[in-house]
Protein backbone atom coordinates (compact mmCIF):
# COMPACT_ATOMS: atom_id res chain seq x y z
CA MET A 1 71.29 62.06 13.21
CA THR A 2 73.88 59.99 15.15
CA VAL A 3 72.62 57.92 18.08
CA LYS A 4 75.11 57.22 20.84
CA THR A 5 74.72 53.79 22.41
CA GLY A 6 77.11 54.35 25.27
CA LEU A 7 79.14 51.27 24.23
CA SER A 8 82.60 52.11 22.97
CA ARG A 9 84.33 50.05 20.29
CA ARG A 10 86.87 48.87 22.92
CA ARG A 11 84.12 47.64 25.28
CA ALA A 12 82.32 45.89 22.45
CA LEU A 13 85.45 44.01 21.49
CA LEU A 14 86.06 42.97 25.11
CA SER A 15 82.47 41.73 25.46
CA ALA A 16 82.73 39.68 22.27
CA ALA A 17 86.03 38.17 23.39
CA ALA A 18 84.48 37.09 26.70
CA LEU A 19 81.77 34.93 25.06
CA PRO A 20 83.94 31.89 24.15
CA LEU A 21 85.59 32.06 27.56
CA ALA A 22 82.23 31.86 29.35
CA ALA A 23 81.20 28.91 27.20
CA ALA A 24 84.43 27.14 28.10
CA ILE A 25 83.90 27.36 31.86
CA PRO A 26 83.23 23.78 33.02
CA GLY A 27 80.39 24.77 35.33
CA ARG A 28 78.51 26.47 32.52
CA ALA A 29 78.76 23.42 30.24
CA ALA A 30 77.85 20.94 33.00
CA ALA A 31 74.71 22.90 33.82
CA MET A 32 73.26 21.93 30.44
CA VAL A 33 73.68 18.17 31.04
CA ALA A 34 70.57 16.42 32.38
CA LYS A 35 70.84 14.89 35.83
CA GLN A 36 70.87 11.10 35.75
CA GLY A 37 69.56 10.30 39.23
CA MET A 38 71.05 8.36 42.10
CA SER A 39 73.17 5.33 41.24
CA ILE A 40 72.31 2.14 43.12
CA PRO A 41 74.61 -0.90 42.79
CA THR A 42 72.77 -4.23 42.51
CA PHE A 43 75.47 -6.82 43.22
CA LYS A 44 78.77 -7.28 45.05
CA ARG A 45 81.01 -10.29 44.37
CA PHE A 46 83.95 -11.54 46.41
CA ALA A 47 85.95 -14.70 47.00
CA LEU A 48 85.60 -16.78 50.15
CA GLY A 49 88.30 -19.43 50.01
CA ASP A 50 87.37 -21.58 47.01
CA PHE A 51 83.81 -20.23 46.97
CA GLU A 52 82.52 -17.14 45.21
CA VAL A 53 79.89 -15.13 47.09
CA THR A 54 77.64 -12.49 45.52
CA THR A 55 75.23 -10.29 47.45
CA LEU A 56 72.27 -9.28 45.28
CA LEU A 57 70.16 -6.18 45.87
CA ALA A 58 66.70 -7.43 44.93
CA GLY A 59 64.96 -4.28 46.15
CA THR A 60 65.24 -1.14 48.27
CA ARG A 61 62.72 1.41 49.47
CA ALA A 62 62.26 4.23 51.96
CA VAL A 63 59.97 3.53 54.93
CA GLU A 64 58.51 6.30 57.08
CA ASN A 65 58.12 6.33 60.87
CA PRO A 66 60.73 3.68 61.69
CA HIS A 67 60.05 3.97 65.42
CA ASP A 68 56.75 2.22 64.69
CA ILE A 69 58.91 -0.80 63.72
CA PHE A 70 62.10 -0.61 65.80
CA GLY A 71 62.57 0.06 69.49
CA LEU A 72 58.95 -0.52 70.41
CA ASN A 73 59.97 -0.74 74.06
CA VAL A 74 61.93 2.54 74.20
CA SER A 75 60.87 6.17 74.34
CA ASP A 76 60.91 8.62 71.46
CA GLU A 77 63.76 10.43 73.22
CA GLU A 78 65.93 7.30 73.45
CA PHE A 79 65.19 6.39 69.84
CA ALA A 80 66.06 9.91 68.70
CA ALA A 81 69.31 9.96 70.71
CA ALA A 82 70.50 6.65 69.21
CA SER A 83 69.62 7.86 65.72
CA GLU A 84 71.36 11.20 66.15
CA ALA A 85 74.51 9.51 67.43
CA ALA A 86 74.53 7.36 64.25
CA PHE A 87 73.84 10.35 61.93
CA ILE A 88 70.52 8.92 60.68
CA PRO A 89 67.08 10.55 60.64
CA THR A 90 64.25 9.41 62.89
CA ASP A 91 61.38 9.97 60.46
CA VAL A 92 62.45 7.70 57.58
CA ALA A 93 64.68 4.68 56.97
CA GLN A 94 65.99 3.00 53.83
CA PHE A 95 65.18 -0.71 53.68
CA PHE A 96 67.32 -3.19 51.72
CA PHE A 97 66.45 -6.72 50.55
CA THR A 98 69.59 -8.69 49.79
CA PRO A 99 69.60 -12.38 48.79
CA THR A 100 73.01 -14.06 48.61
CA LEU A 101 74.39 -16.32 45.87
CA VAL A 102 77.16 -18.82 46.67
CA ASN A 103 79.02 -20.51 43.84
CA THR A 104 80.82 -23.49 45.40
CA GLY A 105 82.28 -24.63 42.08
CA ASP A 106 79.89 -27.59 42.12
CA SER A 107 76.63 -25.79 42.92
CA MET A 108 74.96 -22.41 42.62
CA ILE A 109 73.14 -21.85 45.92
CA LEU A 110 70.78 -18.90 46.40
CA PHE A 111 69.80 -17.81 49.90
CA ASP A 112 66.34 -16.17 49.85
CA THR A 113 64.57 -14.64 46.87
CA GLY A 114 63.48 -11.07 47.58
CA LEU A 115 60.06 -9.51 47.23
CA ASN A 116 59.17 -10.76 43.76
CA PRO A 117 60.58 -12.63 40.74
CA GLU A 118 61.35 -9.40 38.88
CA GLY A 119 63.66 -8.08 41.57
CA ILE A 120 65.75 -11.19 42.04
CA THR A 121 66.01 -12.02 38.33
CA ALA A 122 67.12 -8.44 37.59
CA ALA A 123 69.79 -8.60 40.30
CA LEU A 124 70.97 -11.99 39.03
CA ALA A 125 71.14 -10.63 35.47
CA ALA A 126 73.21 -7.64 36.60
CA ALA A 127 75.64 -10.13 38.17
CA GLY A 128 75.78 -12.19 34.96
CA HIS A 129 73.51 -15.06 36.00
CA THR A 130 70.13 -16.52 35.05
CA PRO A 131 67.56 -18.30 37.26
CA ASP A 132 68.07 -21.62 35.43
CA GLN A 133 71.68 -21.71 36.71
CA ILE A 134 70.54 -22.01 40.33
CA ASN A 135 70.81 -25.57 41.71
CA THR A 136 69.57 -24.91 45.24
CA VAL A 137 67.36 -22.25 46.82
CA VAL A 138 67.68 -21.94 50.59
CA ILE A 139 64.90 -20.12 52.44
CA THR A 140 66.02 -18.77 55.82
CA HIS A 141 62.43 -18.13 56.89
CA MET A 142 59.02 -17.66 55.34
CA HIS A 143 58.35 -13.92 55.50
CA GLY A 144 57.10 -12.48 52.22
CA ASP A 145 60.25 -10.49 51.45
CA HIS A 146 62.24 -13.74 51.45
CA ILE A 147 59.86 -16.06 49.58
CA GLY A 148 58.34 -13.50 47.20
CA GLY A 149 60.68 -14.37 44.32
CA LEU A 150 59.94 -18.11 44.36
CA MET A 151 56.85 -17.96 42.18
CA GLY A 152 55.27 -15.58 39.69
CA GLU A 153 52.77 -15.55 36.86
CA GLN A 154 55.12 -17.74 34.83
CA GLY A 155 55.32 -20.36 37.57
CA ALA A 156 58.42 -21.36 39.54
CA THR A 157 61.26 -18.88 39.11
CA PHE A 158 64.05 -21.41 39.67
CA ALA A 159 62.96 -24.31 37.50
CA ASN A 160 66.13 -26.38 37.93
CA ALA A 161 66.55 -25.91 41.68
CA GLY A 162 65.88 -28.02 44.71
CA HIS A 163 64.65 -26.04 47.70
CA VAL A 164 65.83 -26.20 51.32
CA THR A 165 64.45 -24.71 54.52
CA GLY A 166 64.25 -25.37 58.26
CA ALA A 167 61.86 -28.11 59.33
CA VAL A 168 60.53 -26.10 62.28
CA GLU A 169 59.91 -23.09 60.05
CA HIS A 170 58.08 -25.02 57.35
CA ASN A 171 55.93 -26.90 59.84
CA HIS A 172 54.83 -23.65 61.43
CA TRP A 173 53.76 -21.98 58.21
CA MET A 174 52.00 -25.08 56.88
CA GLY A 175 49.37 -24.52 59.55
CA ALA A 176 49.41 -20.73 59.67
CA GLY A 177 46.87 -19.98 56.94
CA ASN A 178 49.20 -17.40 55.40
CA GLU A 179 48.27 -16.34 51.87
CA THR A 180 51.81 -15.53 50.74
CA PHE A 181 53.13 -18.89 51.97
CA ASP A 182 50.20 -20.70 50.37
CA THR A 183 50.87 -18.94 47.05
CA LYS A 184 54.65 -18.96 46.94
CA VAL A 185 55.77 -22.05 48.88
CA ARG A 186 52.99 -24.61 49.14
CA PRO A 187 52.91 -25.28 45.36
CA LEU A 188 56.63 -26.11 45.56
CA ASN A 189 56.42 -28.43 48.59
CA ASP A 190 57.52 -31.49 46.61
CA ARG A 191 60.81 -29.70 45.81
CA PHE A 192 61.69 -28.99 49.44
CA THR A 193 64.02 -30.83 51.75
CA PHE A 194 64.31 -29.88 55.40
CA LEU A 195 67.10 -29.39 57.92
CA ASP A 196 67.58 -28.64 61.59
CA ASP A 197 70.26 -26.88 63.61
CA GLY A 198 73.65 -28.07 62.36
CA GLY A 199 72.22 -29.44 59.12
CA THR A 200 74.28 -29.15 55.96
CA VAL A 201 73.11 -27.54 52.72
CA ALA A 202 76.36 -28.45 50.93
CA PRO A 203 79.91 -29.12 52.12
CA GLY A 204 80.98 -26.00 54.04
CA ILE A 205 77.46 -24.57 54.48
CA THR A 206 75.88 -25.27 57.87
CA ALA A 207 72.56 -24.20 59.39
CA ILE A 208 72.46 -22.32 62.72
CA ALA A 209 69.18 -22.18 64.64
CA ALA A 210 68.41 -18.49 65.12
CA PHE A 211 64.82 -18.71 66.31
CA GLY A 212 62.76 -15.74 67.45
CA HIS A 213 62.28 -13.57 64.39
CA THR A 214 60.11 -16.45 63.21
CA PRO A 215 59.59 -19.82 64.95
CA GLY A 216 62.23 -21.60 62.82
CA HIS A 217 64.40 -18.76 61.50
CA MET A 218 67.83 -19.97 60.37
CA ALA A 219 71.27 -18.39 59.95
CA PHE A 220 74.09 -20.12 58.05
CA ARG A 221 77.84 -20.44 58.40
CA ILE A 222 79.59 -20.53 55.01
CA GLU A 223 83.17 -21.80 55.08
CA SER A 224 85.78 -22.67 52.45
CA ALA A 225 89.56 -23.15 52.54
CA GLY A 226 89.87 -21.67 56.02
CA LYS A 227 87.69 -18.62 55.32
CA ALA A 228 84.25 -18.18 56.86
CA ILE A 229 81.31 -15.78 56.84
CA VAL A 230 77.98 -15.91 58.68
CA LEU A 231 74.73 -15.18 56.89
CA ILE A 232 72.49 -13.80 59.65
CA ALA A 233 69.32 -13.39 57.53
CA ASP A 234 66.91 -11.33 59.70
CA THR A 235 68.53 -11.86 63.08
CA ALA A 236 68.88 -8.06 62.97
CA ASN A 237 66.88 -5.85 60.61
CA HIS A 238 68.85 -2.61 61.06
CA PRO A 239 72.47 -1.83 61.98
CA VAL A 240 71.56 0.69 64.67
CA TRP A 241 68.02 0.03 65.87
CA SER A 242 68.42 -3.75 66.02
CA LEU A 243 72.02 -4.99 65.80
CA ALA A 244 73.54 -2.30 68.01
CA ARG A 245 70.69 -2.57 70.52
CA PRO A 246 69.71 -6.24 70.69
CA ASP A 247 67.16 -5.66 73.48
CA TRP A 248 65.12 -3.24 71.41
CA GLU A 249 61.89 -4.88 70.31
CA VAL A 250 61.19 -5.18 66.57
CA LYS A 251 57.65 -5.25 65.20
CA PHE A 252 58.37 -8.15 62.85
CA ASP A 253 59.87 -10.46 65.49
CA ALA A 254 57.34 -13.17 66.37
CA ASP A 255 58.90 -13.94 69.75
CA LYS A 256 60.54 -10.69 70.81
CA ALA A 257 62.30 -12.01 73.91
CA ARG A 258 63.75 -15.00 72.07
CA ALA A 259 64.79 -12.81 69.12
CA ALA A 260 66.74 -10.58 71.52
CA GLU A 261 68.49 -13.58 73.07
CA THR A 262 69.36 -14.87 69.60
CA ARG A 263 70.87 -11.51 68.67
CA LYS A 264 73.05 -11.55 71.76
CA SER A 265 74.26 -15.12 71.29
CA LEU A 266 74.81 -15.07 67.52
CA PHE A 267 76.41 -11.62 67.43
CA GLY A 268 78.51 -12.52 70.44
CA MET A 269 79.87 -15.53 68.55
CA ILE A 270 80.52 -13.54 65.37
CA ALA A 271 82.29 -10.80 67.35
CA ALA A 272 84.38 -13.27 69.37
CA ASP A 273 85.51 -15.09 66.21
CA ARG A 274 86.02 -11.79 64.33
CA LEU A 275 84.08 -13.13 61.36
CA PRO A 276 82.49 -11.07 58.61
CA PHE A 277 78.75 -11.43 58.18
CA ILE A 278 76.00 -10.82 55.63
CA GLY A 279 72.74 -9.25 56.83
CA TYR A 280 69.70 -9.40 54.58
CA HIS A 281 68.56 -5.92 55.65
CA MET A 282 71.93 -4.27 56.28
CA PRO A 283 72.86 -1.31 54.02
CA PHE A 284 74.00 -2.71 50.68
CA PRO A 285 76.35 -4.51 50.00
CA ALA A 286 75.10 -5.95 53.30
CA THR A 287 78.49 -7.08 54.63
CA GLY A 288 80.25 -6.09 57.83
CA PHE A 289 81.86 -6.99 61.13
CA ILE A 290 80.60 -6.80 64.71
CA GLU A 291 82.34 -5.68 67.87
CA PRO A 292 80.98 -5.59 71.44
CA ALA A 293 79.93 -2.13 72.61
CA GLY A 294 78.37 -1.64 76.03
CA ASP A 295 75.22 -3.73 76.34
CA GLY A 296 75.10 -4.28 72.59
CA PHE A 297 77.27 -4.26 69.52
CA ARG A 298 78.74 -1.92 66.94
CA TYR A 299 78.29 -2.58 63.24
CA VAL A 300 81.50 -2.08 61.24
CA PRO A 301 80.79 -2.04 57.48
CA THR A 302 83.37 -3.78 55.32
CA SER A 303 85.76 -1.65 53.32
CA TYR A 304 88.33 -3.62 51.29
CA GLN A 305 88.69 -6.70 53.55
CA LEU A 306 86.64 -9.04 51.36
CA MET A 307 88.55 -7.97 48.27
CA LEU A 308 91.63 -9.68 49.69
CA GLY A 309 90.17 -13.20 49.43
């Protein structure tokens, strides 16, 4: 008996010929490659006159319900409208923790240390550096996400470094009974020197009183060979809900009215002088410009400007 399959010899040949063609289609091959996950850069290096500046991503995480942190004095509707205009969601925000390394040629100066030793040492390693290369650690203020990398189970992270912070800031936390300060900073007190507004960390690096976020919070102007940048630390914690709207109250600001005044004055100066800035919590690589906009400011992320020296 002969069984008919319904598949002619011509159709069989055409089907066989189509197999290699299907395998060669790029989409088919790519579908078999495992996804590798989101890529997250951990450092960005650029020249500033004769200095070399590197921003270091020591940590990043998503945080839910950002209106519980930002814009405490505005309605849900106003918060939602500002977020929608900036193309960002209202239910979650991405937080960034970005210390800054300045190589002056004579010194390696690290501003802030992240949440823990592991984060800052990993970011330094990605940038080609080790903790023992750091000569000076500057602490802009004593919140845990800035002092967390100072100490770990192995002791001091930056064994060869002197430490610098604002006198007002240190005096406040010495009497605050704060566990993180007592664990991370107090054991290193004999390594610290203190400065006030206008004090100098090194030639070209000058402290700017930016009180409000904490009692002695400091920003810094970094200048070399006619080029300058301002490190704002936590003067603003978000490009839209803090920088763009300086009057919006932020949960983490100790003195909310003074923090708002500091935002207006410091950002007004940066905008007037058309200087770039580094913000510890700005989207990585944490660099940008500021322009006046209504009652606040507009954050302009850097593109290639800092690549030009």
